[in-house]
Amino acid sequence: MSRIFWVSTLTAALALSANAGEPRRIVLDVPGMNCSLCPISVKKALEKVPGVLAARADLATKSAEASYDPDRTGPDALARAVTGAGFPATIKRP
């Protein structure tokens, strides 16, 4: 690959990240998780939402976390995605 290709690719990636909102983090309560496969399903549901940068779910705490681009999604959409996957979720308030 040429050097120009890589410079163009890097420039495009930087432009996209410059337009993105400052990432935010959310914690969801997901009390319906009750087996070792549940967190996998919850994590996948979060990862399918456009704008999610990273996600994880924890069976022990019955919670899920996601970092997301606030210009592309928000807390309500993330809770709806998890609920839609069969795990009623609510936004954990600090």
PDB file of N, CA and C in Angstrom:
ATOM      1  N   MET A   1       0.841  -1.186   0.000  1.00  0.00           N
ATOM      2  CA  MET A   1       0.000   0.000   0.000  1.00  0.00           C
ATOM      3  C   MET A   1       0.881   1.242   0.000  1.00  0.00           C
ATOM      4  N   SER A   2       0.390   2.252  -0.630  1.00  0.00           N
ATOM      5  CA  SER A   2       1.189   3.468  -0.736  1.00  0.00           C
ATOM      6  C   SER A   2       1.082   4.305   0.538  1.00  0.00           C
ATOM      7  N   ARG A   3       2.062   5.143   0.710  1.00  0.00           N
ATOM      8  CA  ARG A   3       2.082   6.044   1.857  1.00  0.00           C
ATOM      9  C   ARG A   3       0.895   7.008   1.797  1.00  0.00           C
ATOM     10  N   ILE A   4       0.535   7.434   0.592  1.00  0.00           N
ATOM     11  CA  ILE A   4      -0.597   8.354   0.428  1.00  0.00           C
ATOM     12  C   ILE A   4      -1.891   7.700   0.906  1.00  0.00           C
ATOM     13  N   PHE A   5      -2.065   6.412   0.605  1.00  0.00           N
ATOM     14  CA  PHE A   5      -3.260   5.698   1.059  1.00  0.00           C
ATOM     15  C   PHE A   5      -3.351   5.735   2.580  1.00  0.00           C
ATOM     16  N   TRP A   6      -2.249   5.426   3.249  1.00  0.00           N
ATOM     17  CA  TRP A   6      -2.265   5.386   4.714  1.00  0.00           C
ATOM     18  C   TRP A   6      -2.492   6.760   5.304  1.00  0.00           C
ATOM     19  N   VAL A   7      -1.895   7.779   4.728  1.00  0.00           N
ATOM     20  CA  VAL A   7      -2.103   9.147   5.221  1.00  0.00           C
ATOM     21  C   VAL A   7      -3.562   9.546   5.033  1.00  0.00           C
ATOM     22  N   SER A   8      -4.146   9.212   3.895  1.00  0.00           N
ATOM     23  CA  SER A   8      -5.558   9.520   3.634  1.00  0.00           C
ATOM     24  C   SER A   8      -6.471   8.790   4.606  1.00  0.00           C
ATOM     25  N   THR A   9      -6.170   7.537   4.856  1.00  0.00           N
ATOM     26  CA  THR A   9      -6.976   6.744   5.789  1.00  0.00           C
ATOM     27  C   THR A   9      -6.895   7.318   7.196  1.00  0.00           C
ATOM     28  N   LEU A  10      -5.681   7.647   7.629  1.00  0.00           N
ATOM     29  CA  LEU A  10      -5.504   8.224   8.961  1.00  0.00           C
ATOM     30  C   LEU A  10      -6.213   9.570   9.066  1.00  0.00           C
ATOM     31  N   THR A  11      -6.110  10.399   8.048  1.00  0.00           N
ATOM     32  CA  THR A  11      -6.774  11.701   8.043  1.00  0.00           C
ATOM     33  C   THR A  11      -8.288  11.534   8.145  1.00  0.00           C
ATOM     34  N   ALA A  12      -8.837  10.588   7.407  1.00  0.00           N
ATOM     35  CA  ALA A  12     -10.285  10.337   7.455  1.00  0.00           C
ATOM     36  C   ALA A  12     -10.700   9.853   8.840  1.00  0.00           C
ATOM     37  N   ALA A  13      -9.930   8.970   9.443  1.00  0.00           N
ATOM     38  CA  ALA A  13     -10.260   8.454  10.776  1.00  0.00           C
ATOM     39  C   ALA A  13     -10.215   9.569  11.812  1.00  0.00           C
ATOM     40  N   LEU A  14      -9.217  10.437  11.717  1.00  0.00           N
ATOM     41  CA  LEU A  14      -9.128  11.557  12.657  1.00  0.00           C
ATOM     42  C   LEU A  14     -10.289  12.523  12.476  1.00  0.00           C
ATOM     43  N   ALA A  15     -10.699  12.753  11.249  1.00  0.00           N
ATOM     44  CA  ALA A  15     -11.829  13.643  10.992  1.00  0.00           C
ATOM     45  C   ALA A  15     -13.106  13.082  11.594  1.00  0.00           C
ATOM     46  N   LEU A  16     -13.300  11.775  11.457  1.00  0.00           N
ATOM     47  CA  LEU A  16     -14.490  11.153  12.039  1.00  0.00           C
ATOM     48  C   LEU A  16     -14.470  11.266  13.548  1.00  0.00           C
ATOM     49  N   SER A  17     -13.336  10.990  14.174  1.00  0.00           N
ATOM     50  CA  SER A  17     -13.275  11.046  15.627  1.00  0.00           C
ATOM     51  C   SER A  17     -13.396  12.485  16.124  1.00  0.00           C
ATOM     52  N   ALA A  18     -12.952  13.459  15.342  1.00  0.00           N
ATOM     53  CA  ALA A  18     -13.073  14.856  15.745  1.00  0.00           C
ATOM     54  C   ALA A  18     -14.538  15.291  15.751  1.00  0.00           C
ATOM     55  N   ASN A  19     -15.357  14.670  14.913  1.00  0.00           N
ATOM     56  CA  ASN A  19     -16.771  15.021  14.854  1.00  0.00           C
ATOM     57  C   ASN A  19     -17.606  14.277  15.887  1.00  0.00           C
ATOM     58  N   ALA A  20     -17.050  13.274  16.494  1.00  0.00           N
ATOM     59  CA  ALA A  20     -17.793  12.488  17.473  1.00  0.00           C
ATOM     60  C   ALA A  20     -17.909  13.259  18.781  1.00  0.00           C
ATOM     61  N   GLY A  21     -18.998  13.005  19.506  1.00  0.00           N
ATOM     62  CA  GLY A  21     -19.169  13.621  20.808  1.00  0.00           C
ATOM     63  C   GLY A  21     -18.213  13.009  21.812  1.00  0.00           C
ATOM     64  N   GLU A  22     -17.996  13.695  22.901  1.00  0.00           N
ATOM     65  CA  GLU A  22     -17.161  13.166  23.969  1.00  0.00           C
ATOM     66  C   GLU A  22     -17.829  11.900  24.506  1.00  0.00           C
ATOM     67  N   PRO A  23     -17.131  10.771  24.516  1.00  0.00           N
ATOM     68  CA  PRO A  23     -17.764   9.518  24.980  1.00  0.00           C
ATOM     69  C   PRO A  23     -18.317   9.653  26.390  1.00  0.00           C
ATOM     70  N   ARG A  24     -19.437   9.017  26.594  1.00  0.00           N
ATOM     71  CA  ARG A  24     -20.076   8.979  27.918  1.00  0.00           C
ATOM     72  C   ARG A  24     -20.210   7.537  28.343  1.00  0.00           C
ATOM     73  N   ARG A  25     -20.447   7.343  29.629  1.00  0.00           N
ATOM     74  CA  ARG A  25     -20.567   6.004  30.195  1.00  0.00           C
ATOM     75  C   ARG A  25     -21.908   5.902  30.920  1.00  0.00           C
ATOM     76  N   ILE A  26     -22.515   4.750  30.802  1.00  0.00           N
ATOM     77  CA  ILE A  26     -23.778   4.506  31.490  1.00  0.00           C
ATOM     78  C   ILE A  26     -23.709   3.152  32.176  1.00  0.00           C
ATOM     79  N   VAL A  27     -24.404   3.051  33.296  1.00  0.00           N
ATOM     80  CA  VAL A  27     -24.556   1.772  33.993  1.00  0.00           C
ATOM     81  C   VAL A  27     -26.044   1.459  34.022  1.00  0.00           C
ATOM     82  N   LEU A  28     -26.379   0.247  33.652  1.00  0.00           N
ATOM     83  CA  LEU A  28     -27.770  -0.214  33.663  1.00  0.00           C
ATOM     84  C   LEU A  28     -27.938  -1.305  34.710  1.00  0.00           C
ATOM     85  N   ASP A  29     -29.051  -1.267  35.409  1.00  0.00           N
ATOM     86  CA  ASP A  29     -29.431  -2.380  36.281  1.00  0.00           C
ATOM     87  C   ASP A  29     -30.166  -3.389  35.413  1.00  0.00           C
ATOM     88  N   VAL A  30     -29.737  -4.646  35.475  1.00  0.00           N
ATOM     89  CA  VAL A  30     -30.352  -5.705  34.673  1.00  0.00           C
ATOM     90  C   VAL A  30     -30.627  -6.890  35.606  1.00  0.00           C
ATOM     91  N   PRO A  31     -31.683  -6.791  36.428  1.00  0.00           N
ATOM     92  CA  PRO A  31     -31.930  -7.814  37.440  1.00  0.00           C
ATOM     93  C   PRO A  31     -32.319  -9.184  36.884  1.00  0.00           C
ATOM     94  N   GLY A  32     -32.723  -9.260  35.611  1.00  0.00           N
ATOM     95  CA  GLY A  32     -33.160 -10.529  35.032  1.00  0.00           C
ATOM     96  C   GLY A  32     -32.028 -11.453  34.603  1.00  0.00           C
ATOM     97  N   MET A  33     -30.780 -11.005  34.710  1.00  0.00           N
ATOM     98  CA  MET A  33     -29.677 -11.902  34.358  1.00  0.00           C
ATOM     99  C   MET A  33     -29.535 -12.949  35.460  1.00  0.00           C
ATOM    100  N   ASN A  34     -29.633 -14.230  35.062  1.00  0.00           N
ATOM    101  CA  ASN A  34     -29.562 -15.265  36.094  1.00  0.00           C
ATOM    102  C   ASN A  34     -28.745 -16.489  35.700  1.00  0.00           C
ATOM    103  N   CYS A  35     -28.047 -16.426  34.567  1.00  0.00           N
ATOM    104  CA  CYS A  35     -27.190 -17.549  34.180  1.00  0.00           C
ATOM    105  C   CYS A  35     -25.937 -17.010  33.499  1.00  0.00           C
ATOM    106  N   SER A  36     -24.985 -17.863  33.277  1.00  0.00           N
ATOM    107  CA  SER A  36     -23.708 -17.405  32.725  1.00  0.00           C
ATOM    108  C   SER A  36     -23.807 -16.921  31.276  1.00  0.00           C
ATOM    109  N   LEU A  37     -24.860 -17.278  30.570  1.00  0.00           N
ATOM    110  CA  LEU A  37     -25.025 -16.819  29.189  1.00  0.00           C
ATOM    111  C   LEU A  37     -25.725 -15.469  29.095  1.00  0.00           C
ATOM    112  N   CYS A  38     -26.435 -15.079  30.125  1.00  0.00           N
ATOM    113  CA  CYS A  38     -27.178 -13.812  30.103  1.00  0.00           C
ATOM    114  C   CYS A  38     -26.278 -12.605  29.839  1.00  0.00           C
ATOM    115  N   PRO A  39     -25.135 -12.471  30.515  1.00  0.00           N
ATOM    116  CA  PRO A  39     -24.298 -11.300  30.240  1.00  0.00           C
ATOM    117  C   PRO A  39     -23.820 -11.225  28.790  1.00  0.00           C
ATOM    118  N   ILE A  40     -23.626 -12.367  28.165  1.00  0.00           N
ATOM    119  CA  ILE A  40     -23.211 -12.378  26.762  1.00  0.00           C
ATOM    120  C   ILE A  40     -24.314 -11.776  25.899  1.00  0.00           C
ATOM    121  N   SER A  41     -25.549 -12.173  26.161  1.00  0.00           N
ATOM    122  CA  SER A  41     -26.689 -11.640  25.398  1.00  0.00           C
ATOM    123  C   SER A  41     -26.856 -10.144  25.623  1.00  0.00           C
ATOM    124  N   VAL A  42     -26.703  -9.707  26.857  1.00  0.00           N
ATOM    125  CA  VAL A  42     -26.841  -8.281  27.182  1.00  0.00           C
ATOM    126  C   VAL A  42     -25.739  -7.477  26.492  1.00  0.00           C
ATOM    127  N   LYS A  43     -24.515  -7.963  26.564  1.00  0.00           N
ATOM    128  CA  LYS A  43     -23.387  -7.277  25.916  1.00  0.00           C
ATOM    129  C   LYS A  43     -23.608  -7.165  24.415  1.00  0.00           C
ATOM    130  N   LYS A  44     -24.048  -8.245  23.784  1.00  0.00           N
ATOM    131  CA  LYS A  44     -24.300  -8.220  22.342  1.00  0.00           C
ATOM    132  C   LYS A  44     -25.409  -7.242  21.990  1.00  0.00           C
ATOM    133  N   ALA A  45     -26.449  -7.179  22.814  1.00  0.00           N
ATOM    134  CA  ALA A  45     -27.545  -6.241  22.556  1.00  0.00           C
ATOM    135  C   ALA A  45     -27.031  -4.802  22.592  1.00  0.00           C
ATOM    136  N   LEU A  46     -26.166  -4.500  23.534  1.00  0.00           N
ATOM    137  CA  LEU A  46     -25.604  -3.153  23.619  1.00  0.00           C
ATOM    138  C   LEU A  46     -24.689  -2.861  22.433  1.00  0.00           C
ATOM    139  N   GLU A  47     -23.883  -3.831  22.057  1.00  0.00           N
ATOM    140  CA  GLU A  47     -22.935  -3.627  20.963  1.00  0.00           C
ATOM    141  C   GLU A  47     -23.624  -3.411  19.614  1.00  0.00           C
ATOM    142  N   LYS A  48     -24.855  -3.847  19.478  1.00  0.00           N
ATOM    143  CA  LYS A  48     -25.589  -3.652  18.224  1.00  0.00           C
ATOM    144  C   LYS A  48     -26.110  -2.228  18.051  1.00  0.00           C
ATOM    145  N   VAL A  49     -26.142  -1.465  19.122  1.00  0.00           N
ATOM    146  CA  VAL A  49     -26.666  -0.098  19.053  1.00  0.00           C
ATOM    147  C   VAL A  49     -25.613   0.801  18.407  1.00  0.00           C
ATOM    148  N   PRO A  50     -25.966   1.481  17.307  1.00  0.00           N
ATOM    149  CA  PRO A  50     -25.013   2.395  16.681  1.00  0.00           C
ATOM    150  C   PRO A  50     -24.565   3.468  17.675  1.00  0.00           C
ATOM    151  N   GLY A  51     -23.273   3.663  17.758  1.00  0.00           N
ATOM    152  CA  GLY A  51     -22.734   4.661  18.675  1.00  0.00           C
ATOM    153  C   GLY A  51     -22.130   4.067  19.929  1.00  0.00           C
ATOM    154  N   VAL A  52     -22.356   2.782  20.187  1.00  0.00           N
ATOM    155  CA  VAL A  52     -21.746   2.143  21.347  1.00  0.00           C
ATOM    156  C   VAL A  52     -20.289   1.856  21.023  1.00  0.00           C
ATOM    157  N   LEU A  53     -19.407   2.302  21.902  1.00  0.00           N
ATOM    158  CA  LEU A  53     -17.974   2.140  21.701  1.00  0.00           C
ATOM    159  C   LEU A  53     -17.442   0.897  22.406  1.00  0.00           C
ATOM    160  N   ALA A  54     -18.023   0.566  23.558  1.00  0.00           N
ATOM    161  CA  ALA A  54     -17.615  -0.616  24.316  1.00  0.00           C
ATOM    162  C   ALA A  54     -18.759  -0.990  25.249  1.00  0.00           C
ATOM    163  N   ALA A  55     -18.857  -2.266  25.545  1.00  0.00           N
ATOM    164  CA  ALA A  55     -19.923  -2.729  26.445  1.00  0.00           C
ATOM    165  C   ALA A  55     -19.437  -3.930  27.239  1.00  0.00           C
ATOM    166  N   ARG A  56     -20.011  -4.077  28.415  1.00  0.00           N
ATOM    167  CA  ARG A  56     -19.757  -5.261  29.225  1.00  0.00           C
ATOM    168  C   ARG A  56     -20.957  -5.473  30.135  1.00  0.00           C
ATOM    169  N   ALA A  57     -21.128  -6.704  30.570  1.00  0.00           N
ATOM    170  CA  ALA A  57     -22.212  -7.039  31.488  1.00  0.00           C
ATOM    171  C   ALA A  57     -21.651  -7.939  32.567  1.00  0.00           C
ATOM    172  N   ASP A  58     -22.188  -7.824  33.770  1.00  0.00           N
ATOM    173  CA  ASP A  58     -21.676  -8.564  34.915  1.00  0.00           C
ATOM    174  C   ASP A  58     -22.812  -9.281  35.621  1.00  0.00           C
ATOM    175  N   LEU A  59     -22.726 -10.595  35.649  1.00  0.00           N
ATOM    176  CA  LEU A  59     -23.767 -11.401  36.293  1.00  0.00           C
ATOM    177  C   LEU A  59     -23.797 -11.174  37.796  1.00  0.00           C
ATOM    178  N   ALA A  60     -22.636 -11.067  38.432  1.00  0.00           N
ATOM    179  CA  ALA A  60     -22.567 -10.927  39.892  1.00  0.00           C
ATOM    180  C   ALA A  60     -23.269  -9.661  40.378  1.00  0.00           C
ATOM    181  N   THR A  61     -23.121  -8.562  39.639  1.00  0.00           N
ATOM    182  CA  THR A  61     -23.754  -7.305  40.060  1.00  0.00           C
ATOM    183  C   THR A  61     -25.083  -7.065  39.362  1.00  0.00           C
ATOM    184  N   LYS A  62     -25.404  -7.955  38.400  1.00  0.00           N
ATOM    185  CA  LYS A  62     -26.630  -7.821  37.602  1.00  0.00           C
ATOM    186  C   LYS A  62     -26.717  -6.415  37.002  1.00  0.00           C
ATOM    187  N   SER A  63     -25.594  -6.039  36.381  1.00  0.00           N
ATOM    188  CA  SER A  63     -25.533  -4.722  35.757  1.00  0.00           C
ATOM    189  C   SER A  63     -24.781  -4.809  34.435  1.00  0.00           C
ATOM    190  N   ALA A  64     -24.922  -3.762  33.657  1.00  0.00           N
ATOM    191  CA  ALA A  64     -24.212  -3.650  32.385  1.00  0.00           C
ATOM    192  C   ALA A  64     -23.684  -2.230  32.276  1.00  0.00           C
ATOM    193  N   GLU A  65     -22.570  -2.093  31.585  1.00  0.00           N
ATOM    194  CA  GLU A  65     -21.978  -0.785  31.352  1.00  0.00           C
ATOM    195  C   GLU A  65     -21.732  -0.614  29.867  1.00  0.00           C
ATOM    196  N   ALA A  66     -21.824   0.613  29.421  1.00  0.00           N
ATOM    197  CA  ALA A  66     -21.490   0.901  28.026  1.00  0.00           C
ATOM    198  C   ALA A  66     -20.890   2.293  27.953  1.00  0.00           C
ATOM    199  N   SER A  67     -19.909   2.438  27.092  1.00  0.00           N
ATOM    200  CA  SER A  67     -19.460   3.784  26.736  1.00  0.00           C
ATOM    201  C   SER A  67     -20.009   4.025  25.335  1.00  0.00           C
ATOM    202  N   TYR A  68     -20.449   5.263  25.103  1.00  0.00           N
ATOM    203  CA  TYR A  68     -21.152   5.540  23.858  1.00  0.00           C
ATOM    204  C   TYR A  68     -20.918   6.975  23.415  1.00  0.00           C
ATOM    205  N   ASP A  69     -21.162   7.198  22.144  1.00  0.00           N
ATOM    206  CA  ASP A  69     -21.092   8.521  21.541  1.00  0.00           C
ATOM    207  C   ASP A  69     -22.472   9.164  21.716  1.00  0.00           C
ATOM    208  N   PRO A  70     -22.573  10.222  22.515  1.00  0.00           N
ATOM    209  CA  PRO A  70     -23.878  10.840  22.775  1.00  0.00           C
ATOM    210  C   PRO A  70     -24.509  11.496  21.547  1.00  0.00           C
ATOM    211  N   ASP A  71     -23.729  11.691  20.487  1.00  0.00           N
ATOM    212  CA  ASP A  71     -24.293  12.235  19.255  1.00  0.00           C
ATOM    213  C   ASP A  71     -25.032  11.163  18.457  1.00  0.00           C
ATOM    214  N   ARG A  72     -24.817   9.901  18.815  1.00  0.00           N
ATOM    215  CA  ARG A  72     -25.412   8.811  18.049  1.00  0.00           C
ATOM    216  C   ARG A  72     -26.444   8.004  18.824  1.00  0.00           C
ATOM    217  N   THR A  73     -26.368   7.985  20.147  1.00  0.00           N
ATOM    218  CA  THR A  73     -27.319   7.227  20.952  1.00  0.00           C
ATOM    219  C   THR A  73     -27.381   7.830  22.344  1.00  0.00           C
ATOM    220  N   GLY A  74     -28.260   7.289  23.169  1.00  0.00           N
ATOM    221  CA  GLY A  74     -28.403   7.810  24.525  1.00  0.00           C
ATOM    222  C   GLY A  74     -28.833   6.725  25.493  1.00  0.00           C
ATOM    223  N   PRO A  75     -28.909   7.071  26.767  1.00  0.00           N
ATOM    224  CA  PRO A  75     -29.234   6.094  27.799  1.00  0.00           C
ATOM    225  C   PRO A  75     -30.553   5.358  27.573  1.00  0.00           C
ATOM    226  N   ASP A  76     -31.587   6.074  27.135  1.00  0.00           N
ATOM    227  CA  ASP A  76     -32.883   5.418  26.927  1.00  0.00           C
ATOM    228  C   ASP A  76     -32.808   4.372  25.822  1.00  0.00           C
ATOM    229  N   ALA A  77     -32.103   4.684  24.749  1.00  0.00           N
ATOM    230  CA  ALA A  77     -31.959   3.720  23.648  1.00  0.00           C
ATOM    231  C   ALA A  77     -31.192   2.483  24.099  1.00  0.00           C
ATOM    232  N   LEU A  78     -30.200   2.680  24.945  1.00  0.00           N
ATOM    233  CA  LEU A  78     -29.416   1.545  25.429  1.00  0.00           C
ATOM    234  C   LEU A  78     -30.261   0.660  26.341  1.00  0.00           C
ATOM    235  N   ALA A  79     -31.029   1.274  27.222  1.00  0.00           N
ATOM    236  CA  ALA A  79     -31.917   0.488  28.094  1.00  0.00           C
ATOM    237  C   ALA A  79     -32.969  -0.248  27.264  1.00  0.00           C
ATOM    238  N   ARG A  80     -33.500   0.399  26.226  1.00  0.00           N
ATOM    239  CA  ARG A  80     -34.484  -0.257  25.357  1.00  0.00           C
ATOM    240  C   ARG A  80     -33.868  -1.448  24.620  1.00  0.00           C
ATOM    241  N   ALA A  81     -32.623  -1.312  24.189  1.00  0.00           N
ATOM    242  CA  ALA A  81     -31.960  -2.410  23.470  1.00  0.00           C
ATOM    243  C   ALA A  81     -31.821  -3.637  24.357  1.00  0.00           C
ATOM    244  N   VAL A  82     -31.429  -3.433  25.594  1.00  0.00           N
ATOM    245  CA  VAL A  82     -31.272  -4.555  26.527  1.00  0.00           C
ATOM    246  C   VAL A  82     -32.640  -5.141  26.863  1.00  0.00           C
ATOM    247  N   THR A  83     -33.612  -4.275  27.091  1.00  0.00           N
ATOM    248  CA  THR A  83     -34.970  -4.744  27.383  1.00  0.00           C
ATOM    249  C   THR A  83     -35.521  -5.524  26.192  1.00  0.00           C
ATOM    250  N   GLY A  84     -35.267  -5.041  24.982  1.00  0.00           N
ATOM    251  CA  GLY A  84     -35.721  -5.717  23.772  1.00  0.00           C
ATOM    252  C   GLY A  84     -35.089  -7.083  23.585  1.00  0.00           C
ATOM    253  N   ALA A  85     -33.924  -7.284  24.180  1.00  0.00           N
ATOM    254  CA  ALA A  85     -33.249  -8.586  24.098  1.00  0.00           C
ATOM    255  C   ALA A  85     -33.786  -9.554  25.148  1.00  0.00           C
ATOM    256  N   GLY A  86     -34.771  -9.107  25.922  1.00  0.00           N
ATOM    257  CA  GLY A  86     -35.400  -9.991  26.910  1.00  0.00           C
ATOM    258  C   GLY A  86     -34.920  -9.784  28.341  1.00  0.00           C
ATOM    259  N   PHE A  87     -34.190  -8.714  28.568  1.00  0.00           N
ATOM    260  CA  PHE A  87     -33.666  -8.427  29.908  1.00  0.00           C
ATOM    261  C   PHE A  87     -34.059  -7.024  30.323  1.00  0.00           C
ATOM    262  N   PRO A  88     -35.222  -6.869  30.977  1.00  0.00           N
ATOM    263  CA  PRO A  88     -35.659  -5.538  31.368  1.00  0.00           C
ATOM    264  C   PRO A  88     -34.532  -4.788  32.100  1.00  0.00           C
ATOM    265  N   ALA A  89     -34.248  -3.588  31.636  1.00  0.00           N
ATOM    266  CA  ALA A  89     -33.134  -2.815  32.172  1.00  0.00           C
ATOM    267  C   ALA A  89     -33.600  -1.411  32.527  1.00  0.00           C
ATOM    268  N   THR A  90     -32.989  -0.872  33.559  1.00  0.00           N
ATOM    269  CA  THR A  90     -33.243   0.507  33.953  1.00  0.00           C
ATOM    270  C   THR A  90     -31.894   1.205  34.113  1.00  0.00           C
ATOM    271  N   ILE A  91     -31.918   2.511  33.943  1.00  0.00           N
ATOM    272  CA  ILE A  91     -30.721   3.313  34.074  1.00  0.00           C
ATOM    273  C   ILE A  91     -30.392   3.444  35.549  1.00  0.00           C
ATOM    274  N   LYS A  92     -29.170   3.090  35.905  1.00  0.00           N
ATOM    275  CA  LYS A  92     -28.743   3.214  37.309  1.00  0.00           C
ATOM    276  C   LYS A  92     -28.391   4.667  37.574  1.00  0.00           C
ATOM    277  N   ARG A  93     -29.009   5.216  38.564  1.00  0.00           N
ATOM    278  CA  ARG A  93     -28.768   6.608  38.929  1.00  0.00           C
ATOM    279  C   ARG A  93     -27.687   6.653  40.012  1.00  0.00           C
ATOM    280  N   PRO A  94     -26.762   7.633  39.915  1.00  0.00           N
ATOM    281  CA  PRO A  94     -25.679   7.718  40.924  1.00  0.00           C
ATOM    282  C   PRO A  94     -26.190   8.023  42.313  1.00  0.00           C
TER     283      PRO A  94
END
